[in-house]
Amino acid sequence: MTSNLQFEVPNELVLINFWGAAPLKAVPEEGLWFYEIVDQLGLKLRLSFHLYERSLQIVILLREQEIITVVQEGAVQLSIVDDTTLECKFEYRDAFALLKLQIRPVILIHWSTLLT
């Protein structure tokens, strides 16, 4: 992992517009933000990211039962693709990863890693 990379994220107003609400938790001085959304099928997504640790975590729940948690470090860029989708790019050692996350009308996740 290149140590001089930073984790770029949209400003807070852009993120509020995307999620449709303020973060459930935000501690800017620590670089931590936490969002939550429920889709029309009742699937709940919790997404959090940490700027200084360059990490992103998602948790999927159904009826408050955790189904999966995925955490990845090496985040370099979180961006809004359109009003329903965001992407996060990761770089570390000899690999690149990409998260594509759709939140409306239902939650869809595509997370892939390419080893170089």
PDB file of N, CA and C in Angstrom:
ATOM      1  N   MET A   1       0.850  -1.166   0.000  1.00  0.00           N
ATOM      2  CA  MET A   1       0.000   0.000   0.000  1.00  0.00           C
ATOM      3  C   MET A   1       0.895   1.228   0.000  1.00  0.00           C
ATOM      4  N   THR A   2       0.587   2.172  -0.833  1.00  0.00           N
ATOM      5  CA  THR A   2       1.336   3.413  -0.859  1.00  0.00           C
ATOM      6  C   THR A   2       0.901   4.274   0.309  1.00  0.00           C
ATOM      7  N   SER A   3       1.823   4.636   1.168  1.00  0.00           N
ATOM      8  CA  SER A   3       1.467   5.323   2.406  1.00  0.00           C
ATOM      9  C   SER A   3       1.032   6.763   2.204  1.00  0.00           C
ATOM     10  N   ASN A   4       1.342   7.374   1.066  1.00  0.00           N
ATOM     11  CA  ASN A   4       0.978   8.773   0.883  1.00  0.00           C
ATOM     12  C   ASN A   4      -0.414   8.950   0.272  1.00  0.00           C
ATOM     13  N   LEU A   5      -1.137   7.877   0.012  1.00  0.00           N
ATOM     14  CA  LEU A   5      -2.493   7.990  -0.511  1.00  0.00           C
ATOM     15  C   LEU A   5      -3.430   8.454   0.587  1.00  0.00           C
ATOM     16  N   GLN A   6      -4.405   9.285   0.215  1.00  0.00           N
ATOM     17  CA  GLN A   6      -5.423   9.728   1.152  1.00  0.00           C
ATOM     18  C   GLN A   6      -6.768   9.206   0.690  1.00  0.00           C
ATOM     19  N   PHE A   7      -7.710   9.156   1.595  1.00  0.00           N
ATOM     20  CA  PHE A   7      -9.063   8.709   1.304  1.00  0.00           C
ATOM     21  C   PHE A   7      -9.902   9.946   0.997  1.00  0.00           C
ATOM     22  N   GLU A   8     -10.284  10.090  -0.278  1.00  0.00           N
ATOM     23  CA  GLU A   8     -11.089  11.226  -0.717  1.00  0.00           C
ATOM     24  C   GLU A   8     -12.569  10.847  -0.653  1.00  0.00           C
ATOM     25  N   VAL A   9     -13.368  11.712  -0.034  1.00  0.00           N
ATOM     26  CA  VAL A   9     -14.810  11.482   0.062  1.00  0.00           C
ATOM     27  C   VAL A   9     -15.536  12.767  -0.302  1.00  0.00           C
ATOM     28  N   PRO A  10     -16.794  12.650  -0.757  1.00  0.00           N
ATOM     29  CA  PRO A  10     -17.578  13.855  -1.030  1.00  0.00           C
ATOM     30  C   PRO A  10     -17.797  14.640   0.263  1.00  0.00           C
ATOM     31  N   ASN A  11     -18.116  15.924   0.120  1.00  0.00           N
ATOM     32  CA  ASN A  11     -18.376  16.702   1.323  1.00  0.00           C
ATOM     33  C   ASN A  11     -19.671  16.236   1.980  1.00  0.00           C
ATOM     34  N   GLU A  12     -19.861  16.646   3.214  1.00  0.00           N
ATOM     35  CA  GLU A  12     -20.971  16.134   4.012  1.00  0.00           C
ATOM     36  C   GLU A  12     -22.334  16.462   3.404  1.00  0.00           C
ATOM     37  N   LEU A  13     -22.493  17.630   2.791  1.00  0.00           N
ATOM     38  CA  LEU A  13     -23.783  17.980   2.174  1.00  0.00           C
ATOM     39  C   LEU A  13     -24.117  17.061   1.000  1.00  0.00           C
ATOM     40  N   VAL A  14     -23.132  16.697   0.220  1.00  0.00           N
ATOM     41  CA  VAL A  14     -23.340  15.766  -0.889  1.00  0.00           C
ATOM     42  C   VAL A  14     -23.764  14.402  -0.352  1.00  0.00           C
ATOM     43  N   LEU A  15     -23.111  13.960   0.716  1.00  0.00           N
ATOM     44  CA  LEU A  15     -23.466  12.670   1.310  1.00  0.00           C
ATOM     45  C   LEU A  15     -24.863  12.699   1.934  1.00  0.00           C
ATOM     46  N   ILE A  16     -25.228  13.789   2.580  1.00  0.00           N
ATOM     47  CA  ILE A  16     -26.581  13.915   3.140  1.00  0.00           C
ATOM     48  C   ILE A  16     -27.612  13.838   2.022  1.00  0.00           C
ATOM     49  N   ASN A  17     -27.340  14.490   0.916  1.00  0.00           N
ATOM     50  CA  ASN A  17     -28.253  14.450  -0.231  1.00  0.00           C
ATOM     51  C   ASN A  17     -28.372  13.024  -0.782  1.00  0.00           C
ATOM     52  N   PHE A  18     -27.256  12.319  -0.877  1.00  0.00           N
ATOM     53  CA  PHE A  18     -27.281  10.950  -1.389  1.00  0.00           C
ATOM     54  C   PHE A  18     -28.073  10.028  -0.475  1.00  0.00           C
ATOM     55  N   TRP A  19     -27.782  10.047   0.828  1.00  0.00           N
ATOM     56  CA  TRP A  19     -28.434   9.149   1.784  1.00  0.00           C
ATOM     57  C   TRP A  19     -29.845   9.590   2.128  1.00  0.00           C
ATOM     58  N   GLY A  20     -30.158  10.860   1.896  1.00  0.00           N
ATOM     59  CA  GLY A  20     -31.477  11.370   2.239  1.00  0.00           C
ATOM     60  C   GLY A  20     -31.622  11.703   3.706  1.00  0.00           C
ATOM     61  N   ALA A  21     -30.511  11.711   4.429  1.00  0.00           N
ATOM     62  CA  ALA A  21     -30.514  12.013   5.857  1.00  0.00           C
ATOM     63  C   ALA A  21     -29.084  12.283   6.318  1.00  0.00           C
ATOM     64  N   ALA A  22     -28.971  12.928   7.456  1.00  0.00           N
ATOM     65  CA  ALA A  22     -27.672  13.147   8.070  1.00  0.00           C
ATOM     66  C   ALA A  22     -27.127  11.808   8.565  1.00  0.00           C
ATOM     67  N   PRO A  23     -25.819  11.703   8.751  1.00  0.00           N
ATOM     68  CA  PRO A  23     -25.272  10.453   9.270  1.00  0.00           C
ATOM     69  C   PRO A  23     -25.816  10.162  10.666  1.00  0.00           C
ATOM     70  N   LEU A  24     -25.961   8.876  10.987  1.00  0.00           N
ATOM     71  CA  LEU A  24     -26.391   8.504  12.336  1.00  0.00           C
ATOM     72  C   LEU A  24     -25.335   8.895  13.355  1.00  0.00           C
ATOM     73  N   LYS A  25     -24.085   8.835  12.908  1.00  0.00           N
ATOM     74  CA  LYS A  25     -22.982   9.233  13.776  1.00  0.00           C
ATOM     75  C   LYS A  25     -21.905   9.849  12.904  1.00  0.00           C
ATOM     76  N   ALA A  26     -21.352  10.952  13.368  1.00  0.00           N
ATOM     77  CA  ALA A  26     -20.237  11.590  12.675  1.00  0.00           C
ATOM     78  C   ALA A  26     -19.305  12.168  13.731  1.00  0.00           C
ATOM     79  N   VAL A  27     -18.044  11.801  13.628  1.00  0.00           N
ATOM     80  CA  VAL A  27     -17.023  12.340  14.516  1.00  0.00           C
ATOM     81  C   VAL A  27     -15.892  12.835  13.604  1.00  0.00           C
ATOM     82  N   PRO A  28     -16.093  14.019  13.003  1.00  0.00           N
ATOM     83  CA  PRO A  28     -15.129  14.509  12.012  1.00  0.00           C
ATOM     84  C   PRO A  28     -13.688  14.584  12.514  1.00  0.00           C
ATOM     85  N   GLU A  29     -13.503  14.949  13.761  1.00  0.00           N
ATOM     86  CA  GLU A  29     -12.135  15.041  14.281  1.00  0.00           C
ATOM     87  C   GLU A  29     -11.447  13.686  14.337  1.00  0.00           C
ATOM     88  N   GLU A  30     -12.215  12.619  14.361  1.00  0.00           N
ATOM     89  CA  GLU A  30     -11.656  11.269  14.313  1.00  0.00           C
ATOM     90  C   GLU A  30     -11.732  10.661  12.915  1.00  0.00           C
ATOM     91  N   GLY A  31     -12.400  11.368  11.989  1.00  0.00           N
ATOM     92  CA  GLY A  31     -12.511  10.876  10.618  1.00  0.00           C
ATOM     93  C   GLY A  31     -13.525   9.775  10.427  1.00  0.00           C
ATOM     94  N   LEU A  32     -14.557   9.705  11.292  1.00  0.00           N
ATOM     95  CA  LEU A  32     -15.513   8.609  11.270  1.00  0.00           C
ATOM     96  C   LEU A  32     -16.911   9.093  10.901  1.00  0.00           C
ATOM     97  N   TRP A  33     -17.554   8.383   9.951  1.00  0.00           N
ATOM     98  CA  TRP A  33     -18.946   8.650   9.569  1.00  0.00           C
ATOM     99  C   TRP A  33     -19.690   7.325   9.489  1.00  0.00           C
ATOM    100  N   PHE A  34     -20.989   7.352   9.856  1.00  0.00           N
ATOM    101  CA  PHE A  34     -21.802   6.142   9.930  1.00  0.00           C
ATOM    102  C   PHE A  34     -23.192   6.448   9.371  1.00  0.00           C
ATOM    103  N   TYR A  35     -23.607   5.705   8.352  1.00  0.00           N
ATOM    104  CA  TYR A  35     -24.907   5.891   7.701  1.00  0.00           C
ATOM    105  C   TYR A  35     -25.697   4.592   7.765  1.00  0.00           C
ATOM    106  N   GLU A  36     -27.022   4.727   7.678  1.00  0.00           N
ATOM    107  CA  GLU A  36     -27.889   3.554   7.678  1.00  0.00           C
ATOM    108  C   GLU A  36     -29.100   3.836   6.798  1.00  0.00           C
ATOM    109  N   ILE A  37     -29.521   2.794   6.067  1.00  0.00           N
ATOM    110  CA  ILE A  37     -30.691   2.922   5.200  1.00  0.00           C
ATOM    111  C   ILE A  37     -31.384   1.561   5.128  1.00  0.00           C
ATOM    112  N   VAL A  38     -32.706   1.596   4.946  1.00  0.00           N
ATOM    113  CA  VAL A  38     -33.499   0.380   4.774  1.00  0.00           C
ATOM    114  C   VAL A  38     -34.162   0.463   3.409  1.00  0.00           C
ATOM    115  N   ASP A  39     -34.063  -0.620   2.630  1.00  0.00           N
ATOM    116  CA  ASP A  39     -34.679  -0.600   1.298  1.00  0.00           C
ATOM    117  C   ASP A  39     -36.139  -1.041   1.367  1.00  0.00           C
ATOM    118  N   GLN A  40     -36.799  -1.064   0.216  1.00  0.00           N
ATOM    119  CA  GLN A  40     -38.230  -1.390   0.157  1.00  0.00           C
ATOM    120  C   GLN A  40     -38.524  -2.844   0.499  1.00  0.00           C
ATOM    121  N   LEU A  41     -37.507  -3.703   0.524  1.00  0.00           N
ATOM    122  CA  LEU A  41     -37.695  -5.104   0.901  1.00  0.00           C
ATOM    123  C   LEU A  41     -37.442  -5.347   2.391  1.00  0.00           C
ATOM    124  N   GLY A  42     -37.010  -4.302   3.097  1.00  0.00           N
ATOM    125  CA  GLY A  42     -36.724  -4.433   4.517  1.00  0.00           C
ATOM    126  C   GLY A  42     -35.286  -4.790   4.831  1.00  0.00           C
ATOM    127  N   LEU A  43     -34.423  -4.808   3.821  1.00  0.00           N
ATOM    128  CA  LEU A  43     -33.007  -5.076   4.020  1.00  0.00           C
ATOM    129  C   LEU A  43     -32.346  -3.798   4.529  1.00  0.00           C
ATOM    130  N   LYS A  44     -31.579  -3.911   5.592  1.00  0.00           N
ATOM    131  CA  LYS A  44     -30.928  -2.746   6.189  1.00  0.00           C
ATOM    132  C   LYS A  44     -29.443  -2.775   5.874  1.00  0.00           C
ATOM    133  N   LEU A  45     -28.929  -1.629   5.463  1.00  0.00           N
ATOM    134  CA  LEU A  45     -27.506  -1.459   5.180  1.00  0.00           C
ATOM    135  C   LEU A  45     -26.937  -0.449   6.163  1.00  0.00           C
ATOM    136  N   ARG A  46     -25.857  -0.822   6.806  1.00  0.00           N
ATOM    137  CA  ARG A  46     -25.083   0.114   7.614  1.00  0.00           C
ATOM    138  C   ARG A  46     -23.736   0.277   6.937  1.00  0.00           C
ATOM    139  N   LEU A  47     -23.390   1.506   6.637  1.00  0.00           N
ATOM    140  CA  LEU A  47     -22.110   1.804   6.003  1.00  0.00           C
ATOM    141  C   LEU A  47     -21.376   2.800   6.882  1.00  0.00           C
ATOM    142  N   SER A  48     -20.127   2.498   7.152  1.00  0.00           N
ATOM    143  CA  SER A  48     -19.292   3.448   7.885  1.00  0.00           C
ATOM    144  C   SER A  48     -17.941   3.520   7.205  1.00  0.00           C
ATOM    145  N   PHE A  49     -17.312   4.681   7.346  1.00  0.00           N
ATOM    146  CA  PHE A  49     -15.956   4.818   6.823  1.00  0.00           C
ATOM    147  C   PHE A  49     -15.127   5.649   7.784  1.00  0.00           C
ATOM    148  N   HIS A  50     -13.833   5.385   7.734  1.00  0.00           N
ATOM    149  CA  HIS A  50     -12.874   6.065   8.584  1.00  0.00           C
ATOM    150  C   HIS A  50     -11.806   6.665   7.682  1.00  0.00           C
ATOM    151  N   LEU A  51     -11.762   7.999   7.644  1.00  0.00           N
ATOM    152  CA  LEU A  51     -10.832   8.682   6.742  1.00  0.00           C
ATOM    153  C   LEU A  51      -9.372   8.368   7.044  1.00  0.00           C
ATOM    154  N   TYR A  52      -8.988   8.414   8.305  1.00  0.00           N
ATOM    155  CA  TYR A  52      -7.576   8.289   8.656  1.00  0.00           C
ATOM    156  C   TYR A  52      -7.077   6.853   8.564  1.00  0.00           C
ATOM    157  N   GLU A  53      -7.950   5.893   8.816  1.00  0.00           N
ATOM    158  CA  GLU A  53      -7.568   4.491   8.675  1.00  0.00           C
ATOM    159  C   GLU A  53      -7.767   3.993   7.246  1.00  0.00           C
ATOM    160  N   ARG A  54      -8.421   4.849   6.407  1.00  0.00           N
ATOM    161  CA  ARG A  54      -8.708   4.512   5.010  1.00  0.00           C
ATOM    162  C   ARG A  54      -9.454   3.189   4.921  1.00  0.00           C
ATOM    163  N   SER A  55     -10.521   3.073   5.722  1.00  0.00           N
ATOM    164  CA  SER A  55     -11.297   1.840   5.734  1.00  0.00           C
ATOM    165  C   SER A  55     -12.779   2.133   5.530  1.00  0.00           C
ATOM    166  N   LEU A  56     -13.478   1.119   5.035  1.00  0.00           N
ATOM    167  CA  LEU A  56     -14.915   1.200   4.822  1.00  0.00           C
ATOM    168  C   LEU A  56     -15.512  -0.125   5.263  1.00  0.00           C
ATOM    169  N   GLN A  57     -16.661  -0.042   5.924  1.00  0.00           N
ATOM    170  CA  GLN A  57     -17.336  -1.245   6.404  1.00  0.00           C
ATOM    171  C   GLN A  57     -18.799  -1.192   6.005  1.00  0.00           C
ATOM    172  N   ILE A  58     -19.326  -2.345   5.583  1.00  0.00           N
ATOM    173  CA  ILE A  58     -20.760  -2.469   5.378  1.00  0.00           C
ATOM    174  C   ILE A  58     -21.264  -3.639   6.212  1.00  0.00           C
ATOM    175  N   VAL A  59     -22.462  -3.463   6.728  1.00  0.00           N
ATOM    176  CA  VAL A  59     -23.153  -4.513   7.465  1.00  0.00           C
ATOM    177  C   VAL A  59     -24.539  -4.613   6.852  1.00  0.00           C
ATOM    178  N   ILE A  60     -24.964  -5.827   6.525  1.00  0.00           N
ATOM    179  CA  ILE A  60     -26.301  -6.070   5.993  1.00  0.00           C
ATOM    180  C   ILE A  60     -27.095  -6.827   7.046  1.00  0.00           C
ATOM    181  N   LEU A  61     -28.315  -6.340   7.303  1.00  0.00           N
ATOM    182  CA  LEU A  61     -29.191  -6.971   8.286  1.00  0.00           C
ATOM    183  C   LEU A  61     -30.558  -7.206   7.670  1.00  0.00           C
ATOM    184  N   LEU A  62     -31.198  -8.277   8.110  1.00  0.00           N
ATOM    185  CA  LEU A  62     -32.573  -8.566   7.738  1.00  0.00           C
ATOM    186  C   LEU A  62     -33.321  -8.845   9.031  1.00  0.00           C
ATOM    187  N   ARG A  63     -34.356  -8.061   9.271  1.00  0.00           N
ATOM    188  CA  ARG A  63     -35.116  -8.153  10.529  1.00  0.00           C
ATOM    189  C   ARG A  63     -34.184  -8.075  11.731  1.00  0.00           C
ATOM    190  N   GLU A  64     -33.243  -7.142  11.671  1.00  0.00           N
ATOM    191  CA  GLU A  64     -32.259  -6.892  12.728  1.00  0.00           C
ATOM    192  C   GLU A  64     -31.279  -8.034  12.947  1.00  0.00           C
ATOM    193  N   GLN A  65     -31.323  -9.056  12.086  1.00  0.00           N
ATOM    194  CA  GLN A  65     -30.362 -10.157  12.158  1.00  0.00           C
ATOM    195  C   GLN A  65     -29.234  -9.873  11.172  1.00  0.00           C
ATOM    196  N   GLU A  66     -28.010  -9.813  11.684  1.00  0.00           N
ATOM    197  CA  GLU A  66     -26.862  -9.544  10.823  1.00  0.00           C
ATOM    198  C   GLU A  66     -26.640 -10.708   9.866  1.00  0.00           C
ATOM    199  N   ILE A  67     -26.549 -10.384   8.584  1.00  0.00           N
ATOM    200  CA  ILE A  67     -26.312 -11.391   7.551  1.00  0.00           C
ATOM    201  C   ILE A  67     -24.842 -11.430   7.169  1.00  0.00           C
ATOM    202  N   ILE A  68     -24.254 -10.247   6.990  1.00  0.00           N
ATOM    203  CA  ILE A  68     -22.843 -10.188   6.583  1.00  0.00           C
ATOM    204  C   ILE A  68     -22.240  -8.854   6.996  1.00  0.00           C
ATOM    205  N   THR A  69     -20.963  -8.910   7.310  1.00  0.00           N
ATOM    206  CA  THR A  69     -20.160  -7.715   7.559  1.00  0.00           C
ATOM    207  C   THR A  69     -18.921  -7.825   6.687  1.00  0.00           C
ATOM    208  N   VAL A  70     -18.606  -6.754   5.975  1.00  0.00           N
ATOM    209  CA  VAL A  70     -17.395  -6.715   5.157  1.00  0.00           C
ATOM    210  C   VAL A  70     -16.654  -5.426   5.508  1.00  0.00           C
ATOM    211  N   VAL A  71     -15.373  -5.571   5.787  1.00  0.00           N
ATOM    212  CA  VAL A  71     -14.510  -4.428   6.081  1.00  0.00           C
ATOM    213  C   VAL A  71     -13.329  -4.492   5.123  1.00  0.00           C
ATOM    214  N   GLN A  72     -12.997  -3.355   4.559  1.00  0.00           N
ATOM    215  CA  GLN A  72     -11.835  -3.327   3.681  1.00  0.00           C
ATOM    216  C   GLN A  72     -11.044  -2.060   3.949  1.00  0.00           C
ATOM    217  N   GLU A  73      -9.737  -2.224   4.000  1.00  0.00           N
ATOM    218  CA  GLU A  73      -8.832  -1.097   4.163  1.00  0.00           C
ATOM    219  C   GLU A  73      -8.258  -0.729   2.805  1.00  0.00           C
ATOM    220  N   GLY A  74      -7.519   0.349   2.766  1.00  0.00           N
ATOM    221  CA  GLY A  74      -6.900   0.785   1.523  1.00  0.00           C
ATOM    222  C   GLY A  74      -7.804   1.655   0.681  1.00  0.00           C
ATOM    223  N   ALA A  75      -8.870   2.216   1.284  1.00  0.00           N
ATOM    224  CA  ALA A  75      -9.797   3.070   0.535  1.00  0.00           C
ATOM    225  C   ALA A  75      -9.075   4.333   0.059  1.00  0.00           C
ATOM    226  N   VAL A  76      -9.296   4.681  -1.194  1.00  0.00           N
ATOM    227  CA  VAL A  76      -8.683   5.891  -1.745  1.00  0.00           C
ATOM    228  C   VAL A  76      -9.709   6.893  -2.262  1.00  0.00           C
ATOM    229  N   GLN A  77     -10.891   6.425  -2.666  1.00  0.00           N
ATOM    230  CA  GLN A  77     -11.882   7.359  -3.192  1.00  0.00           C
ATOM    231  C   GLN A  77     -13.291   6.811  -3.050  1.00  0.00           C
ATOM    232  N   LEU A  78     -14.144   7.601  -2.409  1.00  0.00           N
ATOM    233  CA  LEU A  78     -15.569   7.323  -2.324  1.00  0.00           C
ATOM    234  C   LEU A  78     -16.254   8.373  -3.178  1.00  0.00           C
ATOM    235  N   SER A  79     -17.084   7.943  -4.120  1.00  0.00           N
ATOM    236  CA  SER A  79     -17.730   8.906  -5.007  1.00  0.00           C
ATOM    237  C   SER A  79     -19.179   8.506  -5.280  1.00  0.00           C
ATOM    238  N   ILE A  80     -19.980   9.514  -5.539  1.00  0.00           N
ATOM    239  CA  ILE A  80     -21.378   9.313  -5.877  1.00  0.00           C
ATOM    240  C   ILE A  80     -21.469   9.176  -7.393  1.00  0.00           C
ATOM    241  N   VAL A  81     -22.025   8.065  -7.872  1.00  0.00           N
ATOM    242  CA  VAL A  81     -22.177   7.826  -9.307  1.00  0.00           C
ATOM    243  C   VAL A  81     -23.435   8.528  -9.812  1.00  0.00           C
ATOM    244  N   ASP A  82     -24.540   8.309  -9.099  1.00  0.00           N
ATOM    245  CA  ASP A  82     -25.808   8.983  -9.401  1.00  0.00           C
ATOM    246  C   ASP A  82     -26.626   8.990  -8.116  1.00  0.00           C
ATOM    247  N   ASP A  83     -27.893   9.327  -8.182  1.00  0.00           N
ATOM    248  CA  ASP A  83     -28.675   9.474  -6.950  1.00  0.00           C
ATOM    249  C   ASP A  83     -29.019   8.155  -6.264  1.00  0.00           C
ATOM    250  N   THR A  84     -28.623   7.024  -6.851  1.00  0.00           N
ATOM    251  CA  THR A  84     -28.889   5.725  -6.224  1.00  0.00           C
ATOM    252  C   THR A  84     -27.632   4.899  -5.962  1.00  0.00           C
ATOM    253  N   THR A  85     -26.493   5.304  -6.504  1.00  0.00           N
ATOM    254  CA  THR A  85     -25.303   4.461  -6.496  1.00  0.00           C
ATOM    255  C   THR A  85     -24.056   5.223  -6.075  1.00  0.00           C
ATOM    256  N   LEU A  86     -23.236   4.559  -5.260  1.00  0.00           N
ATOM    257  CA  LEU A  86     -21.921   5.104  -4.952  1.00  0.00           C
ATOM    258  C   LEU A  86     -20.870   4.051  -5.232  1.00  0.00           C
ATOM    259  N   GLU A  87     -19.639   4.509  -5.374  1.00  0.00           N
ATOM    260  CA  GLU A  87     -18.492   3.631  -5.602  1.00  0.00           C
ATOM    261  C   GLU A  87     -17.414   3.958  -4.594  1.00  0.00           C
ATOM    262  N   CYS A  88     -16.660   2.941  -4.232  1.00  0.00           N
ATOM    263  CA  CYS A  88     -15.469   3.157  -3.420  1.00  0.00           C
ATOM    264  C   CYS A  88     -14.332   2.365  -4.048  1.00  0.00           C
ATOM    265  N   LYS A  89     -13.220   3.044  -4.265  1.00  0.00           N
ATOM    266  CA  LYS A  89     -12.031   2.416  -4.836  1.00  0.00           C
ATOM    267  C   LYS A  89     -11.016   2.178  -3.724  1.00  0.00           C
ATOM    268  N   PHE A  90     -10.342   1.031  -3.819  1.00  0.00           N
ATOM    269  CA  PHE A  90      -9.350   0.628  -2.835  1.00  0.00           C
ATOM    270  C   PHE A  90      -8.059   0.260  -3.557  1.00  0.00           C
ATOM    271  N   GLU A  91      -6.928   0.606  -2.969  1.00  0.00           N
ATOM    272  CA  GLU A  91      -5.625   0.221  -3.499  1.00  0.00           C
ATOM    273  C   GLU A  91      -4.763  -0.231  -2.333  1.00  0.00           C
ATOM    274  N   TYR A  92      -4.106  -1.375  -2.520  1.00  0.00           N
ATOM    275  CA  TYR A  92      -3.200  -1.869  -1.511  1.00  0.00           C
ATOM    276  C   TYR A  92      -2.281  -2.904  -2.133  1.00  0.00           C
ATOM    277  N   ARG A  93      -1.072  -2.898  -1.649  1.00  0.00           N
ATOM    278  CA  ARG A  93      -0.045  -3.816  -2.129  1.00  0.00           C
ATOM    279  C   ARG A  93      -0.171  -4.067  -3.623  1.00  0.00           C
ATOM    280  N   ASP A  94      -0.497  -5.288  -4.015  1.00  0.00           N
ATOM    281  CA  ASP A  94      -0.594  -5.643  -5.424  1.00  0.00           C
ATOM    282  C   ASP A  94      -2.031  -5.902  -5.850  1.00  0.00           C
ATOM    283  N   ALA A  95      -2.951  -5.105  -5.324  1.00  0.00           N
ATOM    284  CA  ALA A  95      -4.360  -5.346  -5.633  1.00  0.00           C
ATOM    285  C   ALA A  95      -5.143  -4.031  -5.682  1.00  0.00           C
ATOM    286  N   PHE A  96      -6.202  -4.095  -6.442  1.00  0.00           N
ATOM    287  CA  PHE A  96      -7.170  -2.997  -6.534  1.00  0.00           C
ATOM    288  C   PHE A  96      -8.548  -3.602  -6.287  1.00  0.00           C
ATOM    289  N   ALA A  97      -9.392  -2.877  -5.578  1.00  0.00           N
ATOM    290  CA  ALA A  97     -10.748  -3.358  -5.335  1.00  0.00           C
ATOM    291  C   ALA A  97     -11.725  -2.232  -5.632  1.00  0.00           C
ATOM    292  N   LEU A  98     -12.950  -2.630  -5.957  1.00  0.00           N
ATOM    293  CA  LEU A  98     -13.995  -1.664  -6.260  1.00  0.00           C
ATOM    294  C   LEU A  98     -15.297  -2.144  -5.634  1.00  0.00           C
ATOM    295  N   LEU A  99     -15.931  -1.251  -4.905  1.00  0.00           N
ATOM    296  CA  LEU A  99     -17.259  -1.485  -4.351  1.00  0.00           C
ATOM    297  C   LEU A  99     -18.238  -0.617  -5.113  1.00  0.00           C
ATOM    298  N   LYS A 100     -19.272  -1.225  -5.668  1.00  0.00           N
ATOM    299  CA  LYS A 100     -20.393  -0.492  -6.257  1.00  0.00           C
ATOM    300  C   LYS A 100     -21.602  -0.824  -5.407  1.00  0.00           C
ATOM    301  N   LEU A 101     -22.227   0.213  -4.871  1.00  0.00           N
ATOM    302  CA  LEU A 101     -23.332   0.032  -3.946  1.00  0.00           C
ATOM    303  C   LEU A 101     -24.532   0.842  -4.413  1.00  0.00           C
ATOM    304  N   GLN A 102     -25.609   0.130  -4.706  1.00  0.00           N
ATOM    305  CA  GLN A 102     -26.877   0.777  -5.059  1.00  0.00           C
ATOM    306  C   GLN A 102     -27.765   0.723  -3.821  1.00  0.00           C
ATOM    307  N   ILE A 103     -28.419   1.849  -3.488  1.00  0.00           N
ATOM    308  CA  ILE A 103     -29.262   1.858  -2.290  1.00  0.00           C
ATOM    309  C   ILE A 103     -30.746   1.985  -2.587  1.00  0.00           C
ATOM    310  N   ARG A 104     -31.115   2.315  -3.797  1.00  0.00           N
ATOM    311  CA  ARG A 104     -32.527   2.448  -4.165  1.00  0.00           C
ATOM    312  C   ARG A 104     -32.764   1.799  -5.516  1.00  0.00           C
ATOM    313  N   PRO A 105     -33.873   1.172  -5.796  1.00  0.00           N
ATOM    314  CA  PRO A 105     -34.998   0.921  -4.884  1.00  0.00           C
ATOM    315  C   PRO A 105     -34.692  -0.202  -3.903  1.00  0.00           C
ATOM    316  N   VAL A 106     -33.728  -1.068  -4.259  1.00  0.00           N
ATOM    317  CA  VAL A 106     -33.284  -2.115  -3.334  1.00  0.00           C
ATOM    318  C   VAL A 106     -31.763  -2.050  -3.239  1.00  0.00           C
ATOM    319  N   ILE A 107     -31.241  -2.589  -2.169  1.00  0.00           N
ATOM    320  CA  ILE A 107     -29.798  -2.590  -1.941  1.00  0.00           C
ATOM    321  C   ILE A 107     -29.149  -3.672  -2.802  1.00  0.00           C
ATOM    322  N   LEU A 108     -28.184  -3.254  -3.600  1.00  0.00           N
ATOM    323  CA  LEU A 108     -27.387  -4.180  -4.424  1.00  0.00           C
ATOM    324  C   LEU A 108     -25.921  -3.852  -4.201  1.00  0.00           C
ATOM    325  N   ILE A 109     -25.112  -4.888  -4.012  1.00  0.00           N
ATOM    326  CA  ILE A 109     -23.686  -4.701  -3.732  1.00  0.00           C
ATOM    327  C   ILE A 109     -22.871  -5.525  -4.710  1.00  0.00           C
ATOM    328  N   HIS A 110     -21.886  -4.882  -5.311  1.00  0.00           N
ATOM    329  CA  HIS A 110     -20.921  -5.584  -6.155  1.00  0.00           C
ATOM    330  C   HIS A 110     -19.542  -5.185  -5.640  1.00  0.00           C
ATOM    331  N   TRP A 111     -18.787  -6.147  -5.131  1.00  0.00           N
ATOM    332  CA  TRP A 111     -17.479  -5.877  -4.551  1.00  0.00           C
ATOM    333  C   TRP A 111     -16.491  -6.806  -5.220  1.00  0.00           C
ATOM    334  N   SER A 112     -15.493  -6.260  -5.904  1.00  0.00           N
ATOM    335  CA  SER A 112     -14.554  -7.096  -6.633  1.00  0.00           C
ATOM    336  C   SER A 112     -13.119  -6.654  -6.348  1.00  0.00           C
ATOM    337  N   THR A 113     -12.210  -7.596  -6.475  1.00  0.00           N
ATOM    338  CA  THR A 113     -10.782  -7.333  -6.254  1.00  0.00           C
ATOM    339  C   THR A 113      -9.994  -7.912  -7.412  1.00  0.00           C
ATOM    340  N   LEU A 114      -9.027  -7.155  -7.877  1.00  0.00           N
ATOM    341  CA  LEU A 114      -8.154  -7.579  -8.953  1.00  0.00           C
ATOM    342  C   LEU A 114      -6.727  -7.595  -8.435  1.00  0.00           C
ATOM    343  N   LEU A 115      -6.091  -8.742  -8.483  1.00  0.00           N
ATOM    344  CA  LEU A 115      -4.678  -8.851  -8.103  1.00  0.00           C
ATOM    345  C   LEU A 115      -3.821  -8.527  -9.309  1.00  0.00           C
ATOM    346  N   THR A 116      -2.777  -7.736  -9.095  1.00  0.00           N
ATOM    347  CA  THR A 116      -1.901  -7.363 -10.201  1.00  0.00           C
ATOM    348  C   THR A 116      -0.540  -8.005 -10.072  1.00  0.00           C
TER     349      THR A 116
END
